[in-house]
Protein backbone atom coordinates (compact mmCIF):
# COMPACT_ATOMS: atom_id res chain seq x y z
CA UNK A 1 105.67 -17.90 -29.15
CA UNK A 2 103.48 -17.92 -26.07
CA UNK A 3 101.49 -21.12 -25.75
CA UNK A 4 97.97 -20.82 -27.11
CA UNK A 5 95.02 -22.37 -25.33
CA UNK A 6 92.76 -24.74 -27.23
CA UNK A 7 89.89 -22.60 -28.51
CA UNK A 8 86.23 -23.58 -28.65
CA UNK A 9 85.47 -23.40 -32.36
CA UNK A 10 81.67 -23.70 -32.07
CA UNK A 11 81.22 -20.68 -29.78
CA UNK A 12 84.64 -18.98 -29.62
CA UNK A 13 83.45 -15.56 -28.42
CA UNK A 14 80.58 -13.11 -28.46
CA UNK A 15 81.22 -12.02 -32.04
CA UNK A 16 80.47 -15.18 -34.01
CA UNK A 17 79.79 -18.91 -33.85
CA UNK A 18 79.31 -21.90 -36.13
CA UNK A 19 76.16 -23.91 -36.75
CA UNK A 20 77.44 -26.08 -39.60
CA UNK A 21 77.13 -29.33 -37.62
CA UNK A 22 73.44 -28.57 -37.14
CA UNK A 23 72.93 -28.47 -40.91
CA UNK A 24 73.00 -24.68 -41.25
CA UNK A 25 74.56 -24.72 -44.74
CA UNK A 26 72.79 -27.88 -45.90
CA UNK A 27 69.65 -26.08 -47.10
CA UNK A 28 69.38 -25.74 -50.87
CA UNK A 29 69.04 -22.01 -50.28
CA UNK A 30 71.84 -21.30 -47.82
CA UNK A 31 72.30 -17.65 -48.71
CA UNK A 32 72.92 -15.25 -45.85
CA UNK A 33 69.56 -13.57 -46.41
CA UNK A 34 67.62 -16.84 -46.38
CA UNK A 35 69.35 -18.20 -43.29
CA UNK A 36 68.96 -14.92 -41.42
CA UNK A 37 65.21 -14.94 -42.00
CA UNK A 38 65.01 -18.60 -40.98
CA UNK A 39 66.98 -18.19 -37.75
CA UNK A 40 65.26 -14.94 -36.77
CA UNK A 41 61.81 -16.44 -37.23
CA UNK A 42 62.68 -19.44 -35.07
CA UNK A 43 63.74 -17.21 -32.20
CA UNK A 44 60.43 -15.36 -32.35
CA UNK A 45 58.52 -18.65 -32.52
CA UNK A 46 60.46 -20.18 -29.61
CA UNK A 47 59.62 -17.22 -27.35
CA UNK A 48 56.05 -18.45 -27.07
CA UNK A 49 56.77 -22.17 -26.70
CA UNK A 50 56.31 -24.08 -23.44
CA UNK A 51 59.46 -26.00 -22.54
CA UNK A 52 57.68 -29.35 -22.45
CA UNK A 53 58.02 -32.38 -24.70
CA UNK A 54 54.75 -31.53 -26.41
CA UNK A 55 55.62 -27.87 -26.76
CA UNK A 56 59.03 -28.52 -28.28
CA UNK A 57 57.68 -31.18 -30.63
CA UNK A 58 55.06 -28.69 -31.80
CA UNK A 59 57.77 -26.10 -32.41
CA UNK A 60 59.70 -28.56 -34.61
CA UNK A 61 56.54 -29.49 -36.52
CA UNK A 62 55.76 -25.84 -37.28
CA UNK A 63 59.31 -25.25 -38.47
CA UNK A 64 59.22 -28.26 -40.79
CA UNK A 65 55.82 -27.35 -42.22
CA UNK A 66 56.38 -23.64 -42.73
CA UNK A 67 60.01 -23.50 -43.88
CA UNK A 68 61.55 -24.67 -47.13
CA UNK A 69 63.38 -27.77 -45.89
CA UNK A 70 64.86 -28.72 -49.27
CA UNK A 71 68.38 -29.99 -48.63
CA UNK A 72 71.61 -30.24 -50.55
CA UNK A 73 72.40 -33.60 -48.97
CA UNK A 74 69.51 -35.66 -47.63
CA UNK A 75 71.58 -37.65 -45.13
CA UNK A 76 72.62 -34.54 -43.15
CA UNK A 77 69.95 -33.50 -40.67
CA UNK A 78 68.99 -29.82 -40.52
CA UNK A 79 68.10 -29.15 -36.89
CA UNK A 80 64.91 -27.21 -36.33
CA UNK A 81 66.20 -25.82 -33.02
CA UNK A 82 69.06 -23.80 -34.49
CA UNK A 83 68.56 -20.05 -34.09
CA UNK A 84 70.19 -16.77 -33.13
CA UNK A 85 71.45 -16.72 -29.55
CA UNK A 86 71.66 -12.96 -29.05
CA UNK A 87 69.55 -9.94 -29.86
CA UNK A 88 72.28 -8.55 -32.11
CA UNK A 89 72.12 -11.69 -34.27
CA UNK A 90 75.87 -12.22 -34.12
CA UNK A 91 75.84 -15.81 -32.87
CA UNK A 92 73.94 -18.89 -34.02
CA UNK A 93 73.44 -21.98 -31.91
CA UNK A 94 71.12 -24.33 -30.08
CA UNK A 95 67.91 -22.84 -28.69
CA UNK A 96 67.61 -25.89 -26.41
CA UNK A 97 71.01 -25.44 -24.78
CA UNK A 98 71.06 -24.83 -21.00
CA UNK A 99 72.80 -21.48 -21.48
CA UNK A 100 69.73 -20.32 -23.37
CA UNK A 101 67.26 -21.71 -20.83
CA UNK A 102 68.45 -20.66 -17.36
CA UNK A 103 70.43 -23.88 -16.93
CA UNK A 104 67.71 -26.28 -18.11
CA UNK A 105 68.85 -28.64 -20.85
CA UNK A 106 66.20 -29.51 -23.44
CA UNK A 107 68.47 -31.03 -26.08
CA UNK A 108 66.86 -34.46 -25.73
CA UNK A 109 64.07 -33.05 -27.88
CA UNK A 110 66.44 -32.74 -30.83
CA UNK A 111 67.10 -35.35 -33.49
CA UNK A 112 70.58 -36.23 -32.18
CA UNK A 113 69.83 -35.88 -28.47
CA UNK A 114 71.78 -34.24 -25.65
CA UNK A 115 74.67 -36.71 -25.42
CA UNK A 116 75.64 -36.64 -29.09
CA UNK A 117 75.22 -32.87 -29.40
CA UNK A 118 77.28 -32.28 -26.28
CA UNK A 119 80.15 -34.56 -27.27
CA UNK A 120 80.51 -33.92 -31.00
CA UNK A 121 83.63 -32.25 -32.40
CA UNK A 122 83.90 -31.52 -36.11
CA UNK A 123 87.01 -32.49 -38.15
CA UNK A 124 88.35 -28.93 -37.90
CA UNK A 125 89.00 -29.47 -34.20
CA UNK A 126 91.41 -32.26 -35.09
CA UNK A 127 92.99 -31.08 -38.34
CA UNK A 128 93.47 -27.34 -37.88
CA UNK A 129 96.48 -26.31 -35.81
CA UNK A 130 96.11 -24.11 -32.74
CA UNK A 131 97.62 -21.20 -34.67
CA UNK A 132 95.18 -21.67 -37.55
CA UNK A 133 92.20 -21.85 -35.21
CA UNK A 134 93.23 -18.74 -33.30
CA UNK A 135 93.94 -16.87 -36.52
CA UNK A 136 90.39 -17.48 -37.77
CA UNK A 137 88.93 -16.39 -34.45
CA UNK A 138 91.00 -13.21 -34.53
CA UNK A 139 90.09 -12.12 -38.05
CA UNK A 140 86.46 -13.20 -38.62
CA UNK A 141 83.58 -11.60 -36.71
CA UNK A 142 80.71 -12.74 -38.91
CA UNK A 143 78.73 -15.88 -38.12
CA UNK A 144 77.93 -16.59 -41.77
CA UNK A 145 81.49 -16.34 -43.07
CA UNK A 146 83.02 -17.90 -39.97
CA UNK A 147 81.00 -21.10 -40.33
CA UNK A 148 81.88 -21.44 -44.00
CA UNK A 149 85.59 -20.92 -43.38
CA UNK A 150 86.25 -22.77 -40.13
CA UNK A 151 84.79 -25.98 -41.59
CA UNK A 152 86.81 -25.72 -44.82
CA UNK A 153 90.04 -27.38 -43.73
CA UNK A 154 91.61 -27.36 -47.19
CA UNK A 155 91.08 -23.63 -47.66
CA UNK A 156 92.46 -22.71 -44.24
CA UNK A 157 95.50 -24.96 -44.39
CA UNK A 158 96.20 -24.09 -48.02
CA UNK A 159 96.24 -20.37 -47.28
CA UNK A 160 98.40 -20.56 -44.16
CA UNK A 161 100.80 -22.92 -45.91
CA UNK A 162 101.30 -20.32 -48.65
CA UNK A 163 101.90 -17.39 -46.32
CA UNK A 164 104.17 -19.48 -44.06
CA UNK A 165 106.30 -20.26 -47.10
CA UNK A 166 106.51 -16.55 -47.84
CA UNK A 167 107.47 -15.35 -44.34
CA UNK A 168 109.38 -18.53 -43.36
CA UNK A 169 107.40 -19.03 -40.16
CA UNK A 170 103.91 -19.58 -38.82
CA UNK A 171 102.31 -16.17 -38.24
CA UNK A 172 101.52 -15.36 -34.62
CA UNK A 173 97.71 -15.02 -34.37
CA UNK A 174 98.13 -12.17 -31.90
CA UNK A 175 99.58 -10.07 -34.70
CA UNK A 176 96.29 -10.47 -36.57
CA UNK A 177 94.09 -8.79 -33.97
CA UNK A 178 93.90 -5.53 -35.89
CA UNK A 179 95.52 -3.37 -38.50
CA UNK A 180 96.61 -4.24 -42.05
CA UNK A 181 97.49 -7.89 -41.29
CA UNK A 182 94.01 -8.46 -39.89
CA UNK A 183 92.45 -6.86 -42.96
CA UNK A 184 94.67 -8.84 -45.34
CA UNK A 185 93.68 -12.23 -43.89
CA UNK A 186 90.03 -11.20 -43.61
CA UNK A 187 90.06 -10.11 -47.24
CA UNK A 188 91.38 -13.47 -48.39
CA UNK A 189 88.76 -15.50 -46.53
CA UNK A 190 86.06 -13.16 -47.78
CA UNK A 191 86.70 -14.80 -51.17
CA UNK A 192 84.33 -17.49 -49.87
CA UNK A 193 81.58 -14.94 -50.54
CA UNK A 194 82.97 -12.95 -53.47
CA UNK A 195 84.94 -15.44 -55.59
CA UNK A 196 84.25 -14.49 -59.24
CA UNK A 197 84.71 -18.06 -60.51
CA UNK A 198 82.28 -19.65 -58.06
CA UNK A 199 80.11 -22.44 -59.47
CA UNK A 200 76.48 -21.30 -59.44
CA UNK A 201 75.18 -24.83 -58.80
CA UNK A 202 73.00 -24.75 -55.66
CA UNK A 203 74.09 -28.29 -54.78
CA UNK A 204 77.75 -27.29 -54.59
CA UNK A 205 79.45 -26.43 -51.28
CA UNK A 206 83.20 -25.95 -51.31
CA UNK A 207 84.82 -28.83 -53.17
CA UNK A 208 81.76 -31.05 -52.77
CA UNK A 209 78.65 -31.45 -54.89
CA UNK A 210 75.53 -33.36 -53.91
CA UNK A 211 72.92 -35.45 -55.69
CA UNK A 212 70.66 -35.80 -52.64
CA UNK A 213 71.82 -39.28 -51.63
CA UNK A 214 75.58 -38.83 -51.66
CA UNK A 215 78.29 -36.24 -52.04
CA UNK A 216 81.28 -36.28 -54.37
CA UNK A 217 84.37 -34.13 -54.86
CA UNK A 218 84.17 -31.76 -57.81
CA UNK A 219 87.59 -31.91 -59.43
CA UNK A 220 88.84 -29.34 -61.92
CA UNK A 221 89.58 -30.84 -65.35
CA UNK A 222 92.79 -29.00 -66.23
CA UNK A 223 93.48 -31.35 -69.15
CA UNK A 224 90.26 -30.19 -70.81
CA UNK A 225 91.48 -26.61 -70.36
CA UNK A 226 94.76 -27.51 -72.06
CA UNK A 227 97.01 -26.89 -69.08
CA UNK A 228 98.79 -28.44 -66.11
CA UNK A 229 97.19 -28.65 -62.68
CA UNK A 230 97.40 -25.33 -60.85
CA UNK A 231 99.51 -25.04 -57.71
CA UNK A 232 96.43 -23.40 -56.16
CA UNK A 233 94.15 -26.32 -57.01
CA UNK A 234 93.31 -27.08 -53.36
CA UNK A 235 92.17 -23.51 -52.80
CA UNK A 236 90.31 -23.34 -56.10
CA UNK A 237 88.24 -26.42 -55.23
CA UNK A 238 87.45 -25.04 -51.77
CA UNK A 239 86.15 -21.88 -53.43
CA UNK A 240 83.77 -23.96 -55.60
CA UNK A 241 85.59 -22.89 -58.75
CA UNK A 242 84.24 -23.51 -62.24
CA UNK A 243 86.60 -22.42 -65.01
CA UNK A 244 85.57 -22.16 -68.64
CA UNK A 245 89.03 -21.55 -70.09
CA UNK A 246 92.70 -21.42 -69.16
CA UNK A 247 92.54 -17.61 -69.04
CA UNK A 248 90.08 -17.95 -66.14
CA UNK A 249 92.59 -20.11 -64.29
CA UNK A 250 95.39 -17.62 -64.84
CA UNK A 251 93.19 -14.77 -63.61
CA UNK A 252 92.26 -16.83 -60.53
CA UNK A 253 95.91 -17.59 -59.84
CA UNK A 254 96.69 -13.89 -59.99
CA UNK A 255 94.00 -13.17 -57.38
CA UNK A 256 95.39 -15.75 -54.93
CA UNK A 257 98.98 -14.64 -55.56
CA UNK A 258 98.02 -11.04 -54.92
CA UNK A 259 96.38 -11.87 -51.59
CA UNK A 260 99.32 -13.96 -50.42
CA UNK A 261 101.87 -11.43 -51.61
CA UNK A 262 100.06 -8.63 -49.84
CA UNK A 263 100.19 -10.46 -46.53
CA UNK A 264 103.87 -11.34 -46.93
CA UNK A 265 104.81 -7.75 -47.75
CA UNK A 266 102.90 -6.32 -44.79
CA UNK A 267 104.24 -8.93 -42.41
CA UNK A 268 107.86 -8.33 -43.38
CA UNK A 269 107.48 -4.54 -43.18
CA UNK A 270 106.14 -4.82 -39.63
CA UNK A 271 108.96 -7.05 -38.34
């Protein structure tokens, strides 16, 4: 396989980006509709702001006082300067970044400051393989879904481990650029948005749940359901699963098996 360059997960291309480190998904209401309104309004507000200390502080004050700032997890800061970076609203990111301000860097106005923002790399940079990173970049062109998936290490690694076992190799990300393989992988990760067994608790994100001061892992009590731990447990927790009976678990297992089997069949037929 041709060597793959190390991708930039935050802003990989013009089709999507991730704002999770800036607290994008830490609002109690982190639905796509709510976040879209929030980010769009900030862009409009920033257009009339003077790029001075006073002007930027006033911008942050208005955001805090006019938006619902209720958080899932109080310790994670939700940056007021996160907004859409393009008119098409395909990419989210820092409105203070020099690329948004003709080379001028205003990130010192933010809570974390320029140095920390510039040098931070999330755990996905370290734990996802090059192939896994490139695969996500190839198949997801949606800022909302991309941010949810690229930061969910367990979900990504669990899925690619299953399909690698089925095809006896790591899939080449270049084969995912279009066609049925692309659609198959995209369909699986879209379960982040459509999973029928998703816990409705607003303070749940992936396998974590929050009480405001701390976060804990929400384990699935298989014993209470009268069954052994599922082989898909890692994926189920990442999808915020809440099962009421063993039949739910079996139905969920069938969904994951179907997605994995579909990819394996397509991949082998295109060899």
